[in-house]
Amino acid sequence: MCLGVYNIPRHIQLIRTNYRLLSEKMDVNSGLLTELYSKEVISNREKETIKAGKTFYDSNEELLEVMKRKTEVQFQQFVAALRAYDMTELADALEIQS
């Protein structure tokens, strides 16, 4: 059974649409992971897995994969955290299309 694009949750579509921008410009070491963990958006295990990425891009891509599995509310917390850690360009890209 093939699911059409309309059955994909909106936040996953937004991540896919902005994947390149997010994977290239997000800074998980800016305090973003700590913020997401403190808000219970990600678990400690997810945080450690993201931090263990061999490269900057690996860590960013791992966070994006984790965020695809989260709820819409958790996604909105992710967008708020991007904004709080001076990644407004990324937050704007995710909100403009909402």
Foldseek 3Di string as FASTA:
>chain_A
DDDDPVPQDLLLVLCVVCVVVQLVPPQCPLCLLVQLCVVVLDDPVLSVVLVPQPDSSSSSVSVSVSNSPGDPVSSVSSLVSCVVSPNPVSSCSSPVVD
